[in-house]
Protein backbone atom coordinates (compact mmCIF):
# COMPACT_ATOMS: atom_id res chain seq x y z
CA MET A 1 -37.74 -15.10 -2.06
CA ALA A 2 -38.76 -12.79 0.96
CA ASP A 3 -38.66 -12.77 4.62
CA THR A 4 -41.75 -11.93 6.70
CA THR A 5 -41.74 -8.39 6.11
CA GLY A 6 -41.84 -8.48 2.50
CA THR A 7 -38.63 -6.90 1.64
CA PRO A 8 -36.50 -9.48 -0.75
CA LEU A 9 -33.58 -11.16 1.09
CA THR A 10 -31.35 -9.96 -1.64
CA GLY A 11 -32.70 -6.45 -1.07
CA ARG A 12 -31.74 -7.01 2.68
CA VAL A 13 -28.06 -8.51 2.30
CA ARG A 14 -27.65 -5.57 0.09
CA GLN A 15 -28.80 -3.06 1.95
CA ARG A 16 -26.55 -4.31 5.20
CA ALA A 17 -23.57 -4.73 2.78
CA GLY A 18 -24.19 -0.94 1.96
CA LEU A 19 -24.41 -0.16 5.78
CA LEU A 20 -21.10 -2.13 6.05
CA VAL A 21 -19.38 -0.36 3.40
CA THR A 22 -20.53 2.87 5.01
CA ALA A 23 -19.26 2.26 8.34
CA ARG A 24 -15.89 0.78 7.32
CA SER A 25 -15.28 4.02 4.96
CA LEU A 26 -16.52 6.40 8.25
CA ARG A 27 -13.85 4.70 10.37
CA LEU A 28 -11.07 4.99 7.51
CA ARG A 29 -11.98 8.87 7.24
CA LEU A 30 -12.19 9.07 11.35
CA GLY A 31 -8.94 7.62 11.54
CA ARG A 32 -7.25 9.89 8.64
CA LEU A 33 -8.73 12.77 10.37
CA ARG A 34 -7.29 11.65 13.58
CA ASP A 35 -3.65 11.15 11.85
CA ARG A 36 -3.82 14.64 10.55
CA SER A 37 -5.53 16.34 13.55
CA TRP A 38 -2.13 17.65 14.62
CA MET A 39 -1.28 18.83 11.41
CA ILE A 40 -4.57 20.69 10.88
CA ALA A 41 -4.02 22.45 14.45
CA GLN A 42 -0.50 23.62 13.66
CA ALA A 43 -1.70 25.12 10.48
CA ALA A 44 -4.66 26.95 12.37
CA VAL A 45 -2.29 28.20 14.93
CA GLY A 46 0.68 29.17 12.39
CA ALA A 47 -2.12 31.18 10.43
CA ALA A 48 -3.55 33.17 13.29
CA LEU A 49 0.00 33.88 14.66
CA ALA A 50 1.59 34.89 11.37
CA TRP A 51 -1.16 37.45 11.07
CA TRP A 52 -0.79 38.43 14.45
CA VAL A 53 2.73 39.14 14.01
CA ALA A 54 2.37 40.88 10.75
CA SER A 55 -0.52 43.09 11.76
CA THR A 56 0.34 43.88 15.29
CA VAL A 57 4.08 43.53 15.21
CA LEU A 58 4.79 45.06 11.87
CA GLY A 59 1.51 47.07 11.61
CA HIS A 60 0.79 45.95 7.87
CA PRO A 61 -3.26 46.74 7.52
CA LEU A 62 -4.21 43.44 5.46
CA PRO A 63 -1.55 41.09 5.57
CA PHE A 64 -2.95 38.24 3.60
CA PHE A 65 0.09 36.42 2.56
CA ALA A 66 1.24 36.03 6.21
CA PRO A 67 -1.34 33.34 7.14
CA VAL A 68 -1.56 32.02 3.82
CA THR A 69 2.34 30.99 3.47
CA ALA A 70 2.54 29.83 6.88
CA MET A 71 -0.50 27.40 6.29
CA VAL A 72 0.86 26.10 3.02
CA CYS A 73 4.16 25.55 4.68
CA LEU A 74 2.71 23.41 7.76
CA GLY A 75 0.67 21.49 5.19
CA LEU A 76 3.71 19.73 4.26
CA THR A 77 4.76 16.05 5.85
CA TYR A 78 7.76 15.89 8.12
CA ASP A 79 9.86 14.38 5.18
CA ASN A 80 12.62 17.05 4.87
CA ARG A 81 9.91 19.15 6.10
CA VAL A 82 12.39 21.98 7.55
CA ARG A 83 14.28 22.21 4.53
CA ARG A 84 10.98 22.16 2.23
CA VAL A 85 9.23 24.96 4.64
CA ILE A 86 12.66 26.95 3.76
CA GLU A 87 12.47 26.31 0.01
CA LEU A 88 8.72 26.80 0.05
CA THR A 89 9.10 30.27 1.80
CA ILE A 90 11.41 31.38 -0.75
CA GLY A 91 9.24 30.11 -3.50
CA VAL A 92 6.17 32.17 -2.14
CA ALA A 93 8.72 35.34 -1.58
CA ILE A 94 9.76 35.31 -5.08
CA GLY A 95 6.47 35.43 -6.55
CA VAL A 96 5.20 37.78 -3.99
CA PHE A 97 8.52 40.05 -4.57
CA VAL A 98 8.26 40.14 -8.33
CA GLY A 99 4.48 40.71 -8.08
CA ASP A 100 4.79 43.63 -5.84
CA LEU A 101 7.71 45.16 -7.65
CA PHE A 102 6.13 44.60 -11.22
CA VAL A 103 2.52 46.26 -9.94
CA GLN A 104 4.27 49.14 -8.51
CA LEU A 105 6.21 50.13 -11.90
CA PHE A 106 3.72 48.61 -14.54
CA GLY A 107 0.40 48.27 -12.87
CA SER A 108 -1.95 45.48 -13.06
CA GLY A 109 -3.49 43.76 -15.95
CA VAL A 110 -3.54 40.79 -18.33
CA TRP A 111 0.30 41.46 -19.75
CA GLN A 112 1.25 41.83 -16.26
CA ILE A 113 0.12 38.61 -14.78
CA ALA A 114 1.68 36.78 -17.54
CA ALA A 115 5.15 38.67 -17.09
CA VAL A 116 4.66 38.33 -13.49
CA SER A 117 4.36 34.41 -13.38
CA PHE A 118 6.72 33.86 -16.29
CA ILE A 119 9.24 35.92 -14.35
CA ALA A 120 8.67 34.50 -11.06
CA MET A 121 8.79 31.03 -11.98
CA SER A 122 12.03 31.48 -14.01
CA LEU A 123 13.58 32.95 -10.90
CA ALA A 124 12.58 30.31 -8.95
CA VAL A 125 13.98 27.75 -11.53
CA LEU A 126 17.40 29.63 -11.28
CA ALA A 127 17.56 29.60 -7.48
CA GLY A 128 17.35 25.32 -7.84
CA ALA A 129 13.48 25.25 -7.27
CA GLY A 130 11.51 22.01 -7.92
CA GLN A 131 8.21 22.05 -9.43
CA LEU A 132 6.32 22.54 -6.34
CA LEU A 133 8.54 25.64 -5.70
CA MET A 134 8.33 27.11 -9.24
CA LEU A 135 4.66 26.73 -9.09
CA GLN A 136 4.20 28.61 -5.68
CA ALA A 137 6.55 31.40 -7.19
CA GLY A 138 4.04 31.91 -10.16
CA ILE A 139 0.46 31.18 -8.12
CA GLN A 140 1.91 34.17 -5.55
CA GLY A 141 2.65 36.14 -8.25
CA VAL A 142 -0.34 36.15 -10.15
CA ILE A 143 -2.38 36.53 -7.00
CA VAL A 144 -0.02 39.90 -6.17
CA ALA A 145 -0.73 41.12 -9.79
CA THR A 146 -4.62 40.75 -9.49
CA LEU A 147 -4.85 42.54 -6.13
CA VAL A 148 -3.55 45.90 -6.34
CA ALA A 149 -1.84 46.76 -3.27
CA GLY A 150 -2.93 50.13 -1.33
CA ASP A 151 -0.82 53.29 -0.54
CA GLY A 152 2.27 52.71 1.47
CA GLU A 153 1.71 48.92 0.95
CA ALA A 154 4.98 48.53 -1.91
CA LEU A 155 6.73 45.45 -0.95
CA SER A 156 4.72 44.76 2.34
CA ARG A 157 3.44 41.49 0.94
CA TRP A 158 6.65 40.28 0.69
CA VAL A 159 7.69 40.72 4.25
CA ASP A 160 3.89 39.23 4.91
CA ALA A 161 5.24 36.26 3.20
CA LEU A 162 8.73 35.97 4.88
CA VAL A 163 6.68 35.88 8.12
CA GLY A 164 4.44 33.73 7.55
CA GLY A 165 7.37 31.10 6.41
CA GLY A 166 9.12 32.29 9.54
CA VAL A 167 6.51 31.31 11.84
CA ALA A 168 5.63 27.95 10.17
CA LEU A 169 9.43 26.87 10.27
CA VAL A 170 9.34 27.89 14.14
CA ILE A 171 6.36 25.85 14.72
CA ALA A 172 7.69 22.96 12.52
CA VAL A 173 10.78 22.50 14.66
CA VAL A 174 9.49 23.38 18.02
CA ALA A 175 5.97 21.54 18.09
CA PRO A 176 5.81 18.52 15.88
CA GLY A 177 3.09 16.27 17.02
CA THR A 178 3.61 13.03 18.97
CA SER A 179 2.06 10.50 16.65
CA THR A 180 5.27 11.19 13.91
CA VAL A 181 7.51 9.67 16.11
CA ARG A 182 5.14 6.78 17.70
CA ARG A 183 3.83 5.87 14.00
CA PRO A 184 7.04 4.42 12.30
CA ARG A 185 6.90 1.41 14.98
CA GLU A 186 3.10 0.86 14.83
CA ARG A 187 3.61 0.66 10.89
CA ALA A 188 6.85 -1.69 11.11
CA ILE A 189 4.69 -4.16 13.56
CA ALA A 190 1.77 -3.81 11.34
CA VAL A 191 4.04 -4.89 8.04
CA VAL A 192 5.57 -7.93 10.15
CA ALA A 193 2.27 -9.32 10.97
CA HIS A 194 1.17 -8.97 7.53
CA LEU A 195 3.90 -10.77 5.96
CA ALA A 196 3.36 -13.54 8.62
CA SER A 197 -0.22 -13.51 7.82
CA ALA A 198 0.53 -13.49 3.94
CA LEU A 199 3.15 -16.82 4.62
CA GLY A 200 0.49 -18.57 6.93
CA ASN A 201 -2.23 -18.22 4.21
CA THR A 202 0.17 -19.71 1.97
CA ALA A 203 0.87 -22.51 4.08
CA GLU A 204 -2.78 -23.49 4.58
CA ALA A 205 -3.31 -22.81 0.72
CA LEU A 206 -0.77 -25.63 -0.17
CA ARG A 207 -2.18 -27.81 2.55
CA GLU A 208 -5.82 -27.88 1.13
CA ARG A 209 -4.64 -27.18 -2.69
CA ASP A 210 -6.78 -24.22 -2.75
CA VAL A 211 -5.87 -22.02 -5.66
CA HIS A 212 -7.95 -19.54 -4.52
CA ARG A 213 -6.41 -18.91 -1.66
CA ALA A 214 -2.94 -18.94 -2.94
CA ARG A 215 -3.91 -16.17 -5.31
CA GLU A 216 -5.16 -14.14 -2.28
CA ALA A 217 -1.99 -14.59 -0.39
CA LEU A 218 -0.27 -13.31 -3.34
CA SER A 219 -2.23 -10.46 -3.57
CA ALA A 220 -1.83 -9.52 0.08
CA ALA A 221 2.21 -9.89 -0.38
CA ARG A 222 2.13 -7.71 -3.41
CA GLY A 223 -0.02 -5.26 -1.19
CA LEU A 224 3.18 -5.38 1.21
CA HIS A 225 4.92 -3.34 -1.27
CA SER A 226 2.67 -0.03 -0.73
CA GLU A 227 2.82 -0.76 3.09
CA MET A 228 6.69 -0.72 3.05
CA GLU A 229 6.39 2.56 1.03
CA GLU A 230 4.54 4.01 3.86
CA LEU A 231 6.58 2.71 6.71
CA THR A 232 9.86 4.10 4.98
CA GLU A 233 8.35 7.76 4.58
CA ALA A 234 7.24 7.18 8.42
CA ALA A 235 10.24 6.43 9.51
CA THR A 236 12.22 9.39 7.60
CA GLU A 237 9.51 11.91 8.72
CA GLY A 238 9.59 10.54 12.38
CA LEU A 239 13.61 10.61 12.38
CA ALA A 240 13.44 14.18 11.00
CA VAL A 241 11.02 15.45 13.84
CA ALA A 242 13.43 13.96 16.45
CA ARG A 243 16.49 15.33 15.20
CA LEU A 244 15.09 18.75 14.74
CA ALA A 245 12.43 18.89 17.53
CA PRO A 246 14.19 19.58 21.09
CA LEU A 247 11.02 17.87 22.61
CA ARG A 248 11.22 14.86 20.56
CA ARG A 249 15.15 13.74 20.67
CA GLN A 250 14.35 11.05 23.02
CA HIS A 251 12.86 9.08 20.65
CA ARG A 252 15.69 9.42 18.13
CA SER A 253 17.31 6.16 19.37
CA GLY A 254 14.11 3.91 18.86
CA LEU A 255 13.46 5.58 15.63
CA LEU A 256 17.02 4.71 14.54
CA ALA A 257 16.37 1.14 15.22
CA ILE A 258 13.30 1.31 13.28
CA GLY A 259 15.26 2.62 10.35
CA ALA A 260 17.94 -0.19 10.70
CA VAL A 261 15.23 -2.83 9.83
CA LEU A 262 13.96 -1.07 6.74
CA GLU A 263 16.64 -2.90 4.59
CA PRO A 264 16.15 -6.56 5.61
CA LEU A 265 12.28 -6.18 5.96
CA ASP A 266 11.85 -4.78 2.34
CA LEU A 267 14.42 -7.86 1.34
CA ALA A 268 12.26 -10.17 3.11
CA ILE A 269 9.29 -9.07 1.55
CA ARG A 270 10.50 -9.31 -1.89
CA ASN A 271 11.52 -12.83 -1.16
CA VAL A 272 8.38 -13.88 0.26
CA ARG A 273 6.35 -12.26 -2.70
CA VAL A 274 8.62 -15.03 -4.81
CA LEU A 275 7.67 -17.57 -2.51
CA VAL A 276 3.75 -17.06 -2.66
CA ARG A 277 4.11 -16.79 -6.34
CA ARG A 278 5.96 -19.97 -6.86
CA ALA A 279 3.16 -21.63 -4.44
CA GLU A 280 0.26 -20.00 -6.65
CA VAL A 281 2.19 -21.38 -9.86
CA ALA A 282 2.53 -25.00 -7.99
CA LEU A 283 -1.11 -25.39 -7.44
CA SER A 284 -1.82 -24.15 -10.87
CA ASP A 285 0.13 -26.63 -12.39
CA GLY A 286 -0.70 -29.54 -10.18
CA GLU A 287 2.83 -29.88 -8.75
CA ARG A 288 2.99 -31.86 -5.58
CA VAL A 289 4.78 -30.12 -2.71
CA PRO A 290 6.42 -32.09 -0.12
CA ASP A 291 4.57 -31.85 3.10
CA SER A 292 7.87 -30.95 4.64
CA TYR A 293 8.32 -27.87 2.29
CA VAL A 294 4.74 -26.84 3.40
CA ASP A 295 5.74 -27.14 7.00
CA MET A 296 8.66 -24.87 6.35
CA VAL A 297 6.43 -22.22 4.96
CA ASP A 298 4.21 -22.44 8.11
CA GLU A 299 7.39 -22.25 10.55
CA LEU A 300 8.46 -19.21 8.73
CA ALA A 301 5.21 -17.41 9.26
CA MET A 302 5.08 -18.51 13.17
CA ALA A 303 8.49 -17.27 13.19
CA THR A 304 7.76 -14.06 11.44
CA GLN A 305 4.41 -13.61 14.03
CA HIS A 306 6.95 -14.33 16.65
CA ILE A 307 9.27 -11.14 15.49
CA ALA A 308 6.01 -9.07 15.13
CA ASP A 309 4.83 -10.13 18.88
CA GLU A 310 8.10 -9.09 20.24
CA LEU A 311 8.20 -5.76 18.78
CA ALA A 312 4.56 -4.95 19.84
CA ALA A 313 5.60 -6.01 23.37
CA GLY A 314 8.50 -3.60 23.16
CA ARG A 315 10.96 -6.02 23.29
CA SER A 316 14.10 -7.34 21.20
CA ALA A 317 13.33 -9.40 18.53
CA GLU A 318 16.47 -11.74 19.12
CA GLU A 319 13.85 -14.11 20.91
CA ALA A 320 12.83 -15.20 17.54
CA ARG A 321 16.17 -16.23 16.57
CA GLU A 322 16.25 -19.73 17.69
CA ASP A 323 13.08 -20.44 15.73
CA LEU A 324 14.52 -19.21 12.49
CA VAL A 325 17.76 -21.00 13.19
CA HIS A 326 15.96 -24.48 13.51
CA LEU A 327 14.17 -23.55 10.23
CA ALA A 328 17.85 -22.48 8.51
CA ARG A 329 18.58 -26.20 9.29
CA ALA A 330 15.38 -27.92 8.14
CA SER A 331 15.97 -26.14 4.77
CA THR A 332 19.28 -27.40 4.14
CA TRP A 333 18.42 -30.03 1.79
CA SER A 334 15.80 -30.93 -0.66
CA ARG A 335 13.26 -33.83 -0.63
CA SER A 336 12.97 -36.41 -3.54
CA GLY A 337 10.14 -35.63 -5.82
CA ALA A 338 10.15 -31.79 -5.26
CA GLY A 339 9.28 -29.77 -8.70
CA LEU A 340 10.83 -26.60 -9.59
CA SER A 341 8.47 -24.31 -7.84
CA SER A 342 8.91 -26.45 -4.80
CA GLU A 343 12.74 -26.09 -4.84
CA VAL A 344 12.57 -22.33 -5.54
CA MET A 345 10.06 -22.04 -2.47
CA ARG A 346 12.90 -23.56 -0.19
CA ALA A 347 15.26 -21.45 -1.44
CA GLN A 348 13.00 -18.13 -0.92
CA VAL A 349 12.41 -19.75 2.74
CA ARG A 350 16.36 -19.67 3.23
CA SER A 351 16.91 -16.24 1.85
CA THR A 352 13.74 -14.95 4.11
CA VAL A 353 15.56 -16.58 7.17
CA VAL A 354 18.98 -14.17 6.22
CA ASP A 355 16.49 -11.44 6.19
CA LEU A 356 14.48 -11.94 9.07
CA LEU A 357 17.65 -12.70 11.29
CA VAL A 358 19.47 -9.48 10.10
CA LEU A 359 16.24 -7.79 11.32
CA THR A 360 16.34 -9.40 14.82
CA GLY A 361 19.94 -7.41 14.91
CA MET A 362 22.48 -9.82 13.43
CA THR A 363 24.79 -8.77 10.64
CA ARG A 364 24.43 -10.09 7.26
CA SER A 365 27.80 -12.53 7.47
CA GLU A 366 26.45 -13.69 10.96
CA ALA A 367 23.09 -14.43 9.61
CA ARG A 368 24.47 -16.44 6.39
CA GLN A 369 26.66 -18.57 8.93
CA ARG A 370 23.34 -19.80 10.54
CA VAL A 371 22.15 -20.91 7.33
CA PRO A 372 23.88 -24.01 6.59
CA GLN A 373 24.68 -24.26 2.71
CA THR A 374 24.90 -28.25 2.76
CA ARG A 375 24.65 -31.13 5.62
CA ASP A 376 27.99 -30.67 6.49
CA ASP A 377 27.63 -27.37 7.54
CA LEU A 378 24.70 -28.05 9.96
CA ASP A 379 26.79 -26.73 12.86
CA PRO A 380 28.30 -23.08 12.04
CA GLY A 381 30.37 -23.34 15.36
CA PRO A 382 30.00 -21.32 18.81
CA GLY A 383 29.68 -17.58 18.83
CA ALA A 384 28.39 -17.74 14.94
CA ASP A 385 25.47 -15.25 15.90
CA GLY A 386 27.63 -12.82 17.81
CA THR A 387 26.91 -13.83 21.62
C-alpha cells in the first residue's frame, strides 16, 4: 500500500516513529544537560580558580594537578559530597606525593610505575579508603611517575593537588546549585502522581477485564522502585546542601519534611505493587473481583492523586485525610464471593491507607486507629487523628 507520493505507508510510519524517538531522545538529553549544568559550571570555574591559585599565588610553573583535582572532586554528587571531596583529595594527594617522592629518588620507568601504583593504593587502603579513593591514588601516582618534574618542582605537584581539593571544597560548600534543593520536592510529587496513575490503571483494568492493561500497570508499579531510589538520593543530596551551604539553609525545613515522607511512601509503593500483582493474577485466572473492591482501588487512586495535587500546590497533604479515612471504613469487611486475590487486594488497600495517612503527617499509631479492624471499630473516637 502506498500514498499519493509513492512512499509505502509502512515506510512513512516507521519514519515518523523514528523522528518521534529522536525528538524524545533529544528532550531527554537536553533535560540531563539542564540538570547537570550547574555541576559543569562549578567544575569549569573550579579548574580555572585552582590553576590561578597554584600558578599565580604559589608561583608553580605548570600546576597540572590543581585543576584536575578540582574537576574530579566537583564531579561528585551532593550525597555526602563534602566528605567525599575530602576523601578524594586525600587519595589524589597520596598518589601524587608517593609518585613525586619515588621519582625524585629512583627516577621514572616501568618498574617505578608498578611500585608507585602499588604503594599509593596500599597507603590509601590503610588510610581507610574506599575503591574510588584507592583507584584515584593509584592513577595519580602513575601520572606523576610518567611526567618527570622539572628542576625545583619536587613535591610541588602534591601541593597543587591539595590546592585543587581545597578549591573544590570551598565551591561545594559556598555555591551549590539551587536545583539540588528543589529537585527532592519535584521528584516526590512525581512519585506520588505515578503511584496514583498505577492504581487508576489497575482499577480500569479490573473494570474492563483487561489483562494486558493490568500487566502494564504492574510494570509501572515495579518501575516506582527506581524512582524511589532517585528520590531518596535527591533528598539526601538536598539536605546535605541545606546543612552545609549558608545560602541554602532556608530550604532545610522543607527538605526535612520531604525526608519524613520517604519511609511511608516507600512502604506504600511496596503495598501497591502487591495489590497490582494480585489484580493481574485475578484477571489471568478469571477470578471474579467484586465491584466494591474495584471501587476501593479507584478511590485509593483518587486519594493518592489528591495528595500529589496538594504537594504540587505547596499545601499540606492533610486535606487528603478525609478521603483516606472514608476508604478505610469502606474496606473494613469482606464481600461474599471474593476470592483469594480479591481479599489480598483489599488487605493491601488497607495497608496502603495507613502508609498514606502517615505520609500526610500522622504517626503510624494514629493512622492505624483510623483503619478499623472490625465493624465494631468503625468509629475510633474523637481525637484519634491527633486533631
